């Protein structure tokens, strides 16, 4: 059985991605949590991963400590799951948008940090963050237009691309980013996934426990 070490569900966008892939695979795994707000979090992470980051996937003696590397490994472990599109050209586009999300959108990350339980209706992202938002919503709109006949996800069926944009779905919800058309429908579909609702419920429980001092 896999073990996935993750951070706070309310805050850790990187943790959500491989967690969602495992849930969508319906693959049993053990979750281990490290509170990223605790004073000893760095020590605890370093004890698991010398790179000092979560998430971390453990498969017997193998340890993988990057969210994209984890998802790529899972795609290889479960080729029939179709975590990348079958068509080579479409697969290349999917990998490109995942790489863009993995390495880019710094202004969005800074201005709209993931806070699943947050509610910030008065937020006013700056110009750079607005440009990131426009790029992401354009991607969603165009991909859904192209692949709407194959299913409700970015490339029709669920893929690693959806896992990588899942934290943005929560960001847009928390910060009341207006969405329209295919982009709005896509975000709504992602929010209602049972796995995403499970993540939301766990994030809410974390925050309630934190507020009560437990």
C-alpha atoms as a PDB file:
ATOM      1  CA  UNK A   1       0.000   0.000   0.000  1.00  0.00           C
ATOM      2  CA  UNK A   2       1.142   3.544  -0.763  1.00  0.00           C
ATOM      3  CA  UNK A   3       1.745   6.066   2.004  1.00  0.00           C
ATOM      4  CA  UNK A   4       1.224   9.744   1.188  1.00  0.00           C
ATOM      5  CA  UNK A   5       2.617  12.350   3.553  1.00  0.00           C
ATOM      6  CA  UNK A   6       0.809  15.655   3.161  1.00  0.00           C
ATOM      7  CA  UNK A   7       0.464  19.048   4.800  1.00  0.00           C
ATOM      8  CA  UNK A   8      -2.646  20.867   5.990  1.00  0.00           C
ATOM      9  CA  UNK A   9      -5.632  20.257   3.748  1.00  0.00           C
ATOM     10  CA  UNK A  10      -6.736  23.844   4.151  1.00  0.00           C
ATOM     11  CA  UNK A  11      -3.424  25.260   2.948  1.00  0.00           C
ATOM     12  CA  UNK A  12      -1.296  22.764   1.024  1.00  0.00           C
ATOM     13  CA  UNK A  13      -2.070  23.020  -2.673  1.00  0.00           C
ATOM     14  CA  UNK A  14       0.861  20.754  -3.510  1.00  0.00           C
ATOM     15  CA  UNK A  15      -0.534  18.008  -1.271  1.00  0.00           C
ATOM     16  CA  UNK A  16      -3.965  18.087  -2.897  1.00  0.00           C
ATOM     17  CA  UNK A  17      -2.683  17.116  -6.338  1.00  0.00           C
ATOM     18  CA  UNK A  18      -1.343  13.578  -5.758  1.00  0.00           C
ATOM     19  CA  UNK A  19      -3.978  12.966  -3.084  1.00  0.00           C
ATOM     20  CA  UNK A  20      -6.710  13.665  -5.641  1.00  0.00           C
ATOM     21  CA  UNK A  21      -5.059  11.394  -8.206  1.00  0.00           C
ATOM     22  CA  UNK A  22      -4.966   8.527  -5.700  1.00  0.00           C
ATOM     23  CA  UNK A  23      -8.608   9.127  -4.784  1.00  0.00           C
ATOM     24  CA  UNK A  24      -9.680   9.204  -8.427  1.00  0.00           C
ATOM     25  CA  UNK A  25      -7.760   5.967  -8.982  1.00  0.00           C
ATOM     26  CA  UNK A  26      -9.779   4.493  -6.092  1.00  0.00           C
ATOM     27  CA  UNK A  27      -6.450   3.200  -4.862  1.00  0.00           C
ATOM     28  CA  UNK A  28      -6.126   2.531  -1.105  1.00  0.00           C
ATOM     29  CA  UNK A  29      -3.361   4.481   0.597  1.00  0.00           C
ATOM     30  CA  UNK A  30      -2.345   5.602   4.042  1.00  0.00           C
ATOM     31  CA  UNK A  31      -2.359   9.328   4.787  1.00  0.00           C
ATOM     32  CA  UNK A  32       0.124  10.877   7.174  1.00  0.00           C
ATOM     33  CA  UNK A  33      -0.229  14.544   8.055  1.00  0.00           C
ATOM     34  CA  UNK A  34       2.306  17.168   9.046  1.00  0.00           C
ATOM     35  CA  UNK A  35       0.911  20.425  10.417  1.00  0.00           C
ATOM     36  CA  UNK A  36       2.638  23.129   8.405  1.00  0.00           C
ATOM     37  CA  UNK A  37       1.787  25.729  11.054  1.00  0.00           C
ATOM     38  CA  UNK A  38       3.503  23.820  13.885  1.00  0.00           C
ATOM     39  CA  UNK A  39       6.857  25.007  15.204  1.00  0.00           C
ATOM     40  CA  UNK A  40       8.464  21.629  14.523  1.00  0.00           C
ATOM     41  CA  UNK A  41       7.052  21.152  11.012  1.00  0.00           C
ATOM     42  CA  UNK A  42      10.400  21.639   9.254  1.00  0.00           C
ATOM     43  CA  UNK A  43      12.075  19.063  11.466  1.00  0.00           C
ATOM     44  CA  UNK A  44       9.281  16.579  10.871  1.00  0.00           C
ATOM     45  CA  UNK A  45       9.352  17.098   7.105  1.00  0.00           C
ATOM     46  CA  UNK A  46      13.133  16.763   6.932  1.00  0.00           C
ATOM     47  CA  UNK A  47      12.915  13.504   8.848  1.00  0.00           C
ATOM     48  CA  UNK A  48      10.780  12.140   5.993  1.00  0.00           C
ATOM     49  CA  UNK A  49      12.166  14.015   3.007  1.00  0.00           C
ATOM     50  CA  UNK A  50      15.647  15.577   2.884  1.00  0.00           C
ATOM     51  CA  UNK A  51      14.326  18.036   0.283  1.00  0.00           C
ATOM     52  CA  UNK A  52      12.230  19.534   3.084  1.00  0.00           C
ATOM     53  CA  UNK A  53       8.905  19.482   1.283  1.00  0.00           C
ATOM     54  CA  UNK A  54       5.552  17.737   1.203  1.00  0.00           C
ATOM     55  CA  UNK A  55       3.906  15.823  -0.369  1.00  0.00           C
ATOM     56  CA  UNK A  56       5.943  12.646  -0.237  1.00  0.00           C
ATOM     57  CA  UNK A  57       4.842   9.322  -1.681  1.00  0.00           C
ATOM     58  CA  UNK A  58       6.271   6.148  -0.157  1.00  0.00           C
ATOM     59  CA  UNK A  59       6.018   2.891  -2.086  1.00  0.00           C
ATOM     60  CA  UNK A  60       7.941   0.239  -0.169  1.00  0.00           C
ATOM     61  CA  UNK A  61      11.565   1.471  -0.324  1.00  0.00           C
ATOM     62  CA  UNK A  62      10.845   4.171  -2.915  1.00  0.00           C
ATOM     63  CA  UNK A  63      10.296   7.768  -1.814  1.00  0.00           C
ATOM     64  CA  UNK A  64       9.121  10.408  -4.282  1.00  0.00           C
ATOM     65  CA  UNK A  65       8.995  14.001  -3.089  1.00  0.00           C
ATOM     66  CA  UNK A  66       7.603  16.162  -5.894  1.00  0.00           C
ATOM     67  CA  UNK A  67       3.903  16.404  -6.722  1.00  0.00           C
ATOM     68  CA  UNK A  68       4.417  16.083 -10.474  1.00  0.00           C
ATOM     69  CA  UNK A  69       6.911  13.244 -10.096  1.00  0.00           C
ATOM     70  CA  UNK A  70       4.422  11.451  -7.836  1.00  0.00           C
ATOM     71  CA  UNK A  71       1.633  11.833 -10.381  1.00  0.00           C
ATOM     72  CA  UNK A  72       3.889  10.669 -13.209  1.00  0.00           C
ATOM     73  CA  UNK A  73       4.830   7.613 -11.163  1.00  0.00           C
ATOM     74  CA  UNK A  74       1.161   6.824 -10.511  1.00  0.00           C
ATOM     75  CA  UNK A  75       0.437   7.163 -14.233  1.00  0.00           C
ATOM     76  CA  UNK A  76       3.103   4.544 -14.893  1.00  0.00           C
ATOM     77  CA  UNK A  77       1.841   2.270 -12.114  1.00  0.00           C
ATOM     78  CA  UNK A  78      -1.733   2.415 -13.451  1.00  0.00           C
ATOM     79  CA  UNK A  79      -1.516   2.845 -17.243  1.00  0.00           C
ATOM     80  CA  UNK A  80      -5.107   1.685 -17.777  1.00  0.00           C
ATOM     81  CA  UNK A  81      -6.395   4.596 -15.685  1.00  0.00           C
ATOM     82  CA  UNK A  82      -5.631   7.087 -18.461  1.00  0.00           C
ATOM     83  CA  UNK A  83      -4.073   9.740 -16.238  1.00  0.00           C
ATOM     84  CA  UNK A  84      -2.634  11.206 -19.439  1.00  0.00           C
ATOM     85  CA  UNK A  85      -4.666  11.360 -22.681  1.00  0.00           C
ATOM     86  CA  UNK A  86      -4.115   8.459 -25.090  1.00  0.00           C
ATOM     87  CA  UNK A  87      -3.488  10.602 -28.170  1.00  0.00           C
ATOM     88  CA  UNK A  88       0.143  11.731 -28.401  1.00  0.00           C
ATOM     89  CA  UNK A  89      -0.648  15.310 -29.465  1.00  0.00           C
ATOM     90  CA  UNK A  90      -3.310  15.755 -26.793  1.00  0.00           C
ATOM     91  CA  UNK A  91      -1.006  14.185 -24.219  1.00  0.00           C
ATOM     92  CA  UNK A  92       1.708  16.687 -25.120  1.00  0.00           C
ATOM     93  CA  UNK A  93      -0.709  19.576 -24.598  1.00  0.00           C
ATOM     94  CA  UNK A  94      -1.822  18.109 -21.267  1.00  0.00           C
ATOM     95  CA  UNK A  95       1.783  17.832 -20.131  1.00  0.00           C
ATOM     96  CA  UNK A  96       2.440  21.409 -21.241  1.00  0.00           C
ATOM     97  CA  UNK A  97      -0.441  22.883 -19.244  1.00  0.00           C
ATOM     98  CA  UNK A  98       0.546  20.809 -16.201  1.00  0.00           C
ATOM     99  CA  UNK A  99       4.128  22.077 -16.487  1.00  0.00           C
ATOM    100  CA  UNK A 100       2.808  25.639 -16.772  1.00  0.00           C
ATOM    101  CA  UNK A 101       0.771  25.185 -13.598  1.00  0.00           C
ATOM    102  CA  UNK A 102       3.606  23.421 -11.797  1.00  0.00           C
ATOM    103  CA  UNK A 103       6.187  26.108 -12.473  1.00  0.00           C
ATOM    104  CA  UNK A 104       4.213  29.258 -13.197  1.00  0.00           C
ATOM    105  CA  UNK A 105       1.507  31.614 -11.975  1.00  0.00           C
ATOM    106  CA  UNK A 106       3.672  33.060  -9.209  1.00  0.00           C
ATOM    107  CA  UNK A 107       1.539  36.184  -8.903  1.00  0.00           C
ATOM    108  CA  UNK A 108      -1.615  34.123  -8.424  1.00  0.00           C
ATOM    109  CA  UNK A 109       0.060  31.976  -5.759  1.00  0.00           C
ATOM    110  CA  UNK A 110       1.201  35.076  -3.895  1.00  0.00           C
ATOM    111  CA  UNK A 111      -2.013  37.086  -4.116  1.00  0.00           C
ATOM    112  CA  UNK A 112      -4.466  34.184  -3.709  1.00  0.00           C
ATOM    113  CA  UNK A 113      -2.793  31.552  -1.506  1.00  0.00           C
ATOM    114  CA  UNK A 114      -4.904  28.430  -1.139  1.00  0.00           C
ATOM    115  CA  UNK A 115      -7.217  28.683   1.835  1.00  0.00           C
ATOM    116  CA  UNK A 116      -9.980  26.159   1.242  1.00  0.00           C
ATOM    117  CA  UNK A 117     -12.079  27.360   4.175  1.00  0.00           C
ATOM    118  CA  UNK A 118     -11.450  31.039   3.539  1.00  0.00           C
ATOM    119  CA  UNK A 119     -13.994  33.551   2.275  1.00  0.00           C
ATOM    120  CA  UNK A 120     -12.521  36.731   0.850  1.00  0.00           C
ATOM    121  CA  UNK A 121     -15.200  38.534  -1.192  1.00  0.00           C
ATOM    122  CA  UNK A 122     -13.393  41.871  -1.043  1.00  0.00           C
ATOM    123  CA  UNK A 123     -10.111  40.617  -2.487  1.00  0.00           C
ATOM    124  CA  UNK A 124      -8.672  42.727  -5.300  1.00  0.00           C
ATOM    125  CA  UNK A 125      -5.789  40.925  -7.041  1.00  0.00           C
ATOM    126  CA  UNK A 126      -3.205  43.128  -8.699  1.00  0.00           C
ATOM    127  CA  UNK A 127      -2.523  43.304 -12.414  1.00  0.00           C
ATOM    128  CA  UNK A 128      -0.068  40.386 -12.465  1.00  0.00           C
ATOM    129  CA  UNK A 129      -2.458  38.109 -10.594  1.00  0.00           C
ATOM    130  CA  UNK A 130      -5.303  39.208 -12.851  1.00  0.00           C
ATOM    131  CA  UNK A 131      -3.201  38.211 -15.850  1.00  0.00           C
ATOM    132  CA  UNK A 132      -2.649  34.785 -14.308  1.00  0.00           C
ATOM    133  CA  UNK A 133      -6.380  34.441 -13.679  1.00  0.00           C
ATOM    134  CA  UNK A 134      -7.132  35.394 -17.275  1.00  0.00           C
ATOM    135  CA  UNK A 135      -4.645  32.839 -18.575  1.00  0.00           C
ATOM    136  CA  UNK A 136      -6.076  30.033 -16.425  1.00  0.00           C
ATOM    137  CA  UNK A 137      -9.693  30.786 -17.257  1.00  0.00           C
ATOM    138  CA  UNK A 138      -8.791  30.963 -20.941  1.00  0.00           C
ATOM    139  CA  UNK A 139      -7.117  27.551 -20.682  1.00  0.00           C
ATOM    140  CA  UNK A 140     -10.165  26.076 -18.995  1.00  0.00           C
ATOM    141  CA  UNK A 141     -12.541  27.621 -21.501  1.00  0.00           C
ATOM    142  CA  UNK A 142     -10.594  26.472 -24.552  1.00  0.00           C
ATOM    143  CA  UNK A 143      -9.869  22.956 -23.302  1.00  0.00           C
ATOM    144  CA  UNK A 144     -13.466  22.370 -22.268  1.00  0.00           C
ATOM    145  CA  UNK A 145     -14.709  23.597 -25.645  1.00  0.00           C
ATOM    146  CA  UNK A 146     -12.373  21.182 -27.416  1.00  0.00           C
ATOM    147  CA  UNK A 147     -13.068  18.134 -25.245  1.00  0.00           C
ATOM    148  CA  UNK A 148     -16.629  18.590 -23.988  1.00  0.00           C
ATOM    149  CA  UNK A 149     -17.855  15.623 -26.029  1.00  0.00           C
ATOM    150  CA  UNK A 150     -15.512  13.264 -24.181  1.00  0.00           C
ATOM    151  CA  UNK A 151     -16.410  14.051 -20.588  1.00  0.00           C
ATOM    152  CA  UNK A 152     -16.580  16.921 -18.062  1.00  0.00           C
ATOM    153  CA  UNK A 153     -12.861  17.318 -17.323  1.00  0.00           C
ATOM    154  CA  UNK A 154     -10.249  19.458 -19.073  1.00  0.00           C
ATOM    155  CA  UNK A 155      -9.366  16.698 -21.527  1.00  0.00           C
ATOM    156  CA  UNK A 156     -12.676  14.881 -21.289  1.00  0.00           C
ATOM    157  CA  UNK A 157     -11.709  12.193 -18.802  1.00  0.00           C
ATOM    158  CA  UNK A 158      -9.963  12.903 -15.510  1.00  0.00           C
ATOM    159  CA  UNK A 159      -6.243  13.461 -15.945  1.00  0.00           C
ATOM    160  CA  UNK A 160      -3.245  14.800 -14.067  1.00  0.00           C
ATOM    161  CA  UNK A 161      -4.127  18.203 -15.530  1.00  0.00           C
ATOM    162  CA  UNK A 162      -7.311  18.282 -13.451  1.00  0.00           C
ATOM    163  CA  UNK A 163      -5.377  17.355 -10.315  1.00  0.00           C
ATOM    164  CA  UNK A 164      -2.948  20.211 -10.920  1.00  0.00           C
ATOM    165  CA  UNK A 165      -5.676  22.798 -11.392  1.00  0.00           C
ATOM    166  CA  UNK A 166      -7.761  21.502  -8.471  1.00  0.00           C
ATOM    167  CA  UNK A 167      -6.133  23.904  -5.971  1.00  0.00           C
ATOM    168  CA  UNK A 168      -6.963  26.792  -8.293  1.00  0.00           C
ATOM    169  CA  UNK A 169     -10.615  25.735  -8.182  1.00  0.00           C
ATOM    170  CA  UNK A 170     -10.548  26.238  -4.410  1.00  0.00           C
ATOM    171  CA  UNK A 171      -8.634  29.495  -4.758  1.00  0.00           C
ATOM    172  CA  UNK A 172     -11.210  30.917  -7.165  1.00  0.00           C
ATOM    173  CA  UNK A 173     -14.002  29.857  -4.813  1.00  0.00           C
ATOM    174  CA  UNK A 174     -12.417  31.366  -1.690  1.00  0.00           C
ATOM    175  CA  UNK A 175     -11.534  34.665  -3.374  1.00  0.00           C
ATOM    176  CA  UNK A 176     -14.797  34.970  -5.334  1.00  0.00           C
ATOM    177  CA  UNK A 177     -13.102  35.088  -8.728  1.00  0.00           C
ATOM    178  CA  UNK A 178     -15.906  35.481 -11.300  1.00  0.00           C
ATOM    179  CA  UNK A 179     -16.107  32.669 -13.839  1.00  0.00           C
ATOM    180  CA  UNK A 180     -18.294  32.262 -16.903  1.00  0.00           C
ATOM    181  CA  UNK A 181     -19.208  29.730 -19.539  1.00  0.00           C
ATOM    182  CA  UNK A 182     -17.210  26.524 -19.759  1.00  0.00           C
ATOM    183  CA  UNK A 183     -14.760  27.704 -17.102  1.00  0.00           C
ATOM    184  CA  UNK A 184     -17.554  28.183 -14.566  1.00  0.00           C
ATOM    185  CA  UNK A 185     -19.073  24.798 -15.408  1.00  0.00           C
ATOM    186  CA  UNK A 186     -15.693  23.121 -15.061  1.00  0.00           C
ATOM    187  CA  UNK A 187     -14.999  24.690 -11.657  1.00  0.00           C
ATOM    188  CA  UNK A 188     -18.459  23.708 -10.423  1.00  0.00           C
ATOM    189  CA  UNK A 189     -17.960  20.125 -11.589  1.00  0.00           C
ATOM    190  CA  UNK A 190     -14.583  19.900  -9.873  1.00  0.00           C
ATOM    191  CA  UNK A 191     -15.936  21.271  -6.598  1.00  0.00           C
ATOM    192  CA  UNK A 192     -18.677  18.642  -6.529  1.00  0.00           C
ATOM    193  CA  UNK A 193     -16.390  15.645  -7.016  1.00  0.00           C
ATOM    194  CA  UNK A 194     -16.762  13.363  -3.971  1.00  0.00           C
ATOM    195  CA  UNK A 195     -13.001  13.465  -3.442  1.00  0.00           C
ATOM    196  CA  UNK A 196     -12.966  17.277  -3.506  1.00  0.00           C
ATOM    197  CA  UNK A 197     -15.863  17.376  -1.059  1.00  0.00           C
ATOM    198  CA  UNK A 198     -13.955  14.961   1.174  1.00  0.00           C
ATOM    199  CA  UNK A 199     -10.923  17.264   1.059  1.00  0.00           C
ATOM    200  CA  UNK A 200     -13.123  20.268   1.891  1.00  0.00           C
ATOM    201  CA  UNK A 201     -14.737  18.498   4.859  1.00  0.00           C
ATOM    202  CA  UNK A 202     -11.337  17.485   6.220  1.00  0.00           C
ATOM    203  CA  UNK A 203     -10.020  21.043   5.795  1.00  0.00           C
ATOM    204  CA  UNK A 204     -13.010  22.360   7.728  1.00  0.00           C
ATOM    205  CA  UNK A 205     -12.392  19.852  10.507  1.00  0.00           C
ATOM    206  CA  UNK A 206      -8.737  20.907  10.671  1.00  0.00           C
ATOM    207  CA  UNK A 207      -9.709  24.544  11.012  1.00  0.00           C
ATOM    208  CA  UNK A 208     -12.320  23.806  13.680  1.00  0.00           C
ATOM    209  CA  UNK A 209      -9.775  21.793  15.657  1.00  0.00           C
ATOM    210  CA  UNK A 210      -7.225  24.594  15.315  1.00  0.00           C
ATOM    211  CA  UNK A 211      -9.739  27.202  16.459  1.00  0.00           C
ATOM    212  CA  UNK A 212     -10.650  25.143  19.510  1.00  0.00           C
ATOM    213  CA  UNK A 213      -6.997  24.653  20.392  1.00  0.00           C
ATOM    214  CA  UNK A 214      -7.007  20.892  19.946  1.00  0.00           C
END
